[in-house]
């Protein structure tokens, strides 16, 4: 697909599902972002195109990458506070967040994705990105998010509504279990936080929120290490 058709189709999708001022804003930042980060991550993909199987297929959403403008607002907030800890992107898709994280100085970056097709595309993008950021270590884990083992050093987690509240709740429970075993402060960057109540109910607190044009939103949550996550579950 040519770049023009790719952007045109995305512009039509945003415009007809939301509004055309948002579509113009989105496409402007998509063009700039794809060039800046040297990746190809824009195209929408339905689940039946992505070789997706497993019990949680019904809980997954269409592949759509997070808007670059929103991503950069979130990473600006994190890096301004010196937070560049090991990061996990749940539902990493084609690897957009992984590339952005590397540019912002994160060095241990993991993407978790249950579509083999998207994992392959993420690796293809990372083949371009790795030489640009030789100090970054990228890992793409092709498995269901609920089965991903959260390591004791992983402290930053990213979501862009890759699945519904059923799977998100299971992932958050795994995170709480990790905090019981290895207490540490953690951060969750959640773009367009549809299921924010799952995090708030688990004991996370909102640290930062940014919103633009009604539909573009980034919320950052944190779990305070001074509080007992066991009591929060």
Protein backbone atom coordinates (compact mmCIF):
# COMPACT_ATOMS: atom_id res chain seq x y z
CA UNK A 1 0.00 0.00 0.00
CA UNK A 2 1.38 3.41 -0.92
CA UNK A 3 1.93 5.95 1.84
CA UNK A 4 -0.76 8.23 0.39
CA UNK A 5 -3.45 5.53 0.48
CA UNK A 6 -2.35 4.40 3.92
CA UNK A 7 -2.75 7.88 5.38
CA UNK A 8 -5.93 8.57 3.41
CA UNK A 9 -7.65 5.47 4.74
CA UNK A 10 -6.62 6.30 8.29
CA UNK A 11 -7.85 9.88 7.84
CA UNK A 12 -11.23 8.59 6.66
CA UNK A 13 -11.42 6.13 9.56
CA UNK A 14 -10.75 8.82 12.18
CA UNK A 15 -12.98 11.36 10.47
CA UNK A 16 -16.00 9.11 10.11
CA UNK A 17 -15.71 7.50 13.55
CA UNK A 18 -14.90 10.69 15.45
CA UNK A 19 -14.56 13.98 13.53
CA UNK A 20 -12.50 15.48 10.71
CA UNK A 21 -10.63 18.15 12.72
CA UNK A 22 -9.31 15.28 14.84
CA UNK A 23 -8.49 13.35 11.66
CA UNK A 24 -6.41 16.22 10.27
CA UNK A 25 -4.56 16.62 13.58
CA UNK A 26 -3.95 12.88 13.82
CA UNK A 27 -2.63 12.48 10.28
CA UNK A 28 -0.29 15.47 10.69
CA UNK A 29 1.32 13.82 13.70
CA UNK A 30 1.26 10.36 12.10
CA UNK A 31 3.27 11.60 9.12
CA UNK A 32 5.72 13.45 11.36
CA UNK A 33 6.02 10.57 13.82
CA UNK A 34 6.57 7.79 11.31
CA UNK A 35 9.39 9.82 9.75
CA UNK A 36 10.88 10.85 13.09
CA UNK A 37 10.96 7.33 14.56
CA UNK A 38 11.60 5.55 11.22
CA UNK A 39 8.86 2.95 11.68
CA UNK A 40 5.83 1.77 9.72
CA UNK A 41 3.04 1.36 12.26
CA UNK A 42 0.02 3.30 11.07
CA UNK A 43 -2.28 0.84 9.27
CA UNK A 44 -5.39 -0.48 11.07
CA UNK A 45 -5.73 -4.27 11.32
CA UNK A 46 -8.74 -6.37 12.30
CA UNK A 47 -8.23 -9.48 14.40
CA UNK A 48 -9.07 -11.93 11.62
CA UNK A 49 -6.07 -10.58 9.68
CA UNK A 50 -3.65 -11.12 12.56
CA UNK A 51 -3.42 -14.89 13.11
CA UNK A 52 -4.96 -14.46 16.57
CA UNK A 53 -6.10 -17.54 18.49
CA UNK A 54 -6.63 -18.44 22.14
CA UNK A 55 -9.20 -17.98 24.88
CA UNK A 56 -8.75 -14.21 25.12
CA UNK A 57 -9.30 -13.45 21.44
CA UNK A 58 -12.84 -12.28 22.25
CA UNK A 59 -11.42 -9.71 24.68
CA UNK A 60 -8.97 -8.12 22.24
CA UNK A 61 -9.52 -4.96 20.19
CA UNK A 62 -8.66 -3.83 16.68
CA UNK A 63 -5.00 -2.93 16.18
CA UNK A 64 -4.56 0.83 16.22
CA UNK A 65 -1.35 2.53 17.30
CA UNK A 66 -1.41 5.29 19.91
CA UNK A 67 -1.22 8.83 18.55
CA UNK A 68 2.36 10.14 18.53
CA UNK A 69 1.35 13.46 20.08
CA UNK A 70 -0.20 11.70 23.06
CA UNK A 71 2.75 9.32 23.40
CA UNK A 72 5.24 12.14 23.52
CA UNK A 73 3.24 13.98 26.18
CA UNK A 74 3.40 10.89 28.37
CA UNK A 75 7.09 10.27 27.81
CA UNK A 76 7.89 13.96 28.31
CA UNK A 77 6.32 13.73 31.76
CA UNK A 78 8.24 10.56 32.66
CA UNK A 79 11.67 11.62 31.46
CA UNK A 80 11.34 15.11 32.97
CA UNK A 81 11.28 13.26 36.30
CA UNK A 82 14.19 11.02 35.38
CA UNK A 83 12.01 7.91 35.03
CA UNK A 84 13.56 5.57 32.44
CA UNK A 85 13.07 2.24 34.17
CA UNK A 86 12.50 -1.09 32.37
CA UNK A 87 9.29 -0.74 30.36
CA UNK A 88 6.68 -3.22 29.16
CA UNK A 89 4.15 -2.36 26.45
CA UNK A 90 1.15 -4.68 26.69
CA UNK A 91 -0.33 -5.07 23.22
CA UNK A 92 2.75 -3.66 21.52
CA UNK A 93 1.37 -4.15 18.01
CA UNK A 94 3.93 -3.12 15.41
CA UNK A 95 6.35 -1.63 17.94
CA UNK A 96 5.56 2.09 17.89
CA UNK A 97 5.83 2.58 21.66
CA UNK A 98 9.06 0.59 21.76
CA UNK A 99 10.68 2.96 19.26
CA UNK A 100 9.42 6.07 21.05
CA UNK A 101 10.65 4.77 24.42
CA UNK A 102 14.13 4.21 23.00
CA UNK A 103 14.31 7.76 21.69
CA UNK A 104 13.39 8.99 25.15
CA UNK A 105 16.29 7.12 26.72
CA UNK A 106 14.68 3.92 27.96
CA UNK A 107 17.12 1.05 27.58
CA UNK A 108 15.22 -2.08 28.65
CA UNK A 109 12.10 -2.22 26.51
CA UNK A 110 9.72 -5.16 26.15
CA UNK A 111 6.68 -5.54 23.93
CA UNK A 112 4.05 -8.17 24.68
CA UNK A 113 1.76 -9.10 21.79
CA UNK A 114 -0.40 -12.19 21.16
CA UNK A 115 -0.67 -11.81 17.39
CA UNK A 116 2.20 -13.59 15.60
CA UNK A 117 1.62 -11.34 12.57
CA UNK A 118 2.03 -8.18 14.65
CA UNK A 119 5.07 -9.61 16.47
CA UNK A 120 6.72 -10.17 13.11
CA UNK A 121 5.96 -6.59 12.04
CA UNK A 122 7.29 -5.26 15.35
CA UNK A 123 10.54 -7.15 14.82
CA UNK A 124 10.74 -5.76 11.30
CA UNK A 125 10.44 -2.21 12.63
CA UNK A 126 12.97 -2.94 15.36
CA UNK A 127 15.47 -4.11 12.75
CA UNK A 128 15.52 -0.47 11.64
CA UNK A 129 15.39 1.02 15.13
CA UNK A 130 18.08 -1.08 16.86
CA UNK A 131 21.07 0.43 15.02
CA UNK A 132 19.81 3.93 15.85
CA UNK A 133 19.72 3.18 19.60
CA UNK A 134 22.54 0.67 20.20
CA UNK A 135 22.24 1.12 23.97
CA UNK A 136 18.64 -0.07 24.03
CA UNK A 137 17.71 -3.71 24.52
CA UNK A 138 14.44 -4.65 22.82
CA UNK A 139 12.45 -7.82 23.42
CA UNK A 140 9.21 -8.83 21.71
CA UNK A 141 7.33 -11.55 23.59
CA UNK A 142 4.65 -13.24 21.49
CA UNK A 143 2.14 -14.49 24.04
CA UNK A 144 -1.12 -13.71 25.80
CA UNK A 145 -0.72 -10.72 28.15
CA UNK A 146 -2.29 -12.65 31.03
CA UNK A 147 0.52 -15.21 30.84
CA UNK A 148 3.39 -12.73 30.74
CA UNK A 149 5.63 -13.01 33.81
CA UNK A 150 6.29 -9.50 35.15
CA UNK A 151 9.94 -9.27 36.14
CA UNK A 152 11.13 -7.74 39.42
CA UNK A 153 12.89 -4.85 37.67
CA UNK A 154 10.03 -3.86 35.38
CA UNK A 155 8.50 -0.63 36.63
CA UNK A 156 6.84 1.15 33.70
CA UNK A 157 3.86 -0.35 31.88
CA UNK A 158 2.02 0.94 28.82
CA UNK A 159 -1.54 0.25 27.64
CA UNK A 160 -3.60 1.65 24.78
CA UNK A 161 -6.78 -0.34 25.35
CA UNK A 162 -5.39 -3.48 23.66
CA UNK A 163 -8.05 -5.57 25.40
CA UNK A 164 -11.14 -5.22 27.57
CA UNK A 165 -11.44 -5.04 31.36
CA UNK A 166 -11.43 -8.84 31.73
CA UNK A 167 -7.87 -9.18 30.46
CA UNK A 168 -6.74 -5.89 32.00
CA UNK A 169 -7.90 -7.09 35.41
CA UNK A 170 -5.89 -10.30 35.02
CA UNK A 171 -2.78 -8.34 34.02
CA UNK A 172 -3.20 -5.95 36.95
CA UNK A 173 -3.54 -8.91 39.34
CA UNK A 174 -0.26 -10.27 37.97
CA UNK A 175 1.33 -6.88 38.56
CA UNK A 176 0.05 -6.80 42.14
CA UNK A 177 1.48 -10.27 42.69
CA UNK A 178 4.83 -9.03 41.41
CA UNK A 179 4.67 -6.08 43.80
CA UNK A 180 4.00 -8.39 46.73
CA UNK A 181 7.11 -10.36 45.92
CA UNK A 182 9.28 -7.40 44.88
CA UNK A 183 7.93 -4.13 46.37
CA UNK A 184 8.77 -1.14 44.18
CA UNK A 185 7.15 1.96 42.77
CA UNK A 186 5.57 1.33 39.39
CA UNK A 187 4.00 3.53 36.75
CA UNK A 188 1.27 2.82 34.22
CA UNK A 189 0.94 4.95 31.09
CA UNK A 190 -2.62 4.40 29.89
CA UNK A 191 -3.70 6.12 26.68
CA UNK A 192 -7.46 6.78 26.44
CA UNK A 193 -8.03 5.01 29.74
CA UNK A 194 -11.44 3.42 29.10
CA UNK A 195 -11.04 1.01 32.02
CA UNK A 196 -9.32 3.32 34.47
CA UNK A 197 -11.53 1.97 37.27
CA UNK A 198 -9.63 -1.32 37.13
CA UNK A 199 -6.44 0.50 38.12
CA UNK A 200 -8.07 2.80 40.64
CA UNK A 201 -9.80 -0.13 42.33
CA UNK A 202 -6.46 -1.92 42.56
CA UNK A 203 -4.96 1.00 44.48
CA UNK A 204 -3.25 2.98 41.74
CA UNK A 205 -3.41 6.76 41.89
CA UNK A 206 -3.55 9.21 39.00
CA UNK A 207 -0.28 11.11 38.74
CA UNK A 208 -0.81 12.96 35.47
CA UNK A 209 -3.52 13.45 32.89
CA UNK A 210 -3.41 15.15 29.52
CA UNK A 211 -6.33 15.61 27.13
CA UNK A 212 -6.61 17.25 23.71
CA UNK A 213 -9.50 17.53 21.28
CA UNK A 214 -11.71 15.48 23.63
CA UNK A 215 -10.55 12.08 22.37
CA UNK A 216 -6.77 12.21 22.79
CA UNK A 217 -5.85 11.37 26.35
CA UNK A 218 -2.90 10.12 28.35
CA UNK A 219 -3.21 9.21 32.03
CA UNK A 220 -0.25 8.11 34.13
CA UNK A 221 -0.94 6.08 37.25
CA UNK A 222 1.43 5.10 40.02
CA UNK A 223 1.46 2.68 42.93
CA UNK A 224 3.09 4.22 45.99
CA UNK A 225 5.77 1.91 47.42
CA UNK A 226 4.85 3.10 50.92
CA UNK A 227 1.48 1.40 50.60
CA UNK A 228 0.95 -2.34 50.85
CA UNK A 229 -0.24 -3.69 47.48
CA UNK A 230 -1.54 -6.82 49.21
CA UNK A 231 -4.19 -4.73 50.91
CA UNK A 232 -5.11 -3.11 47.62
CA UNK A 233 -5.89 -6.27 45.66
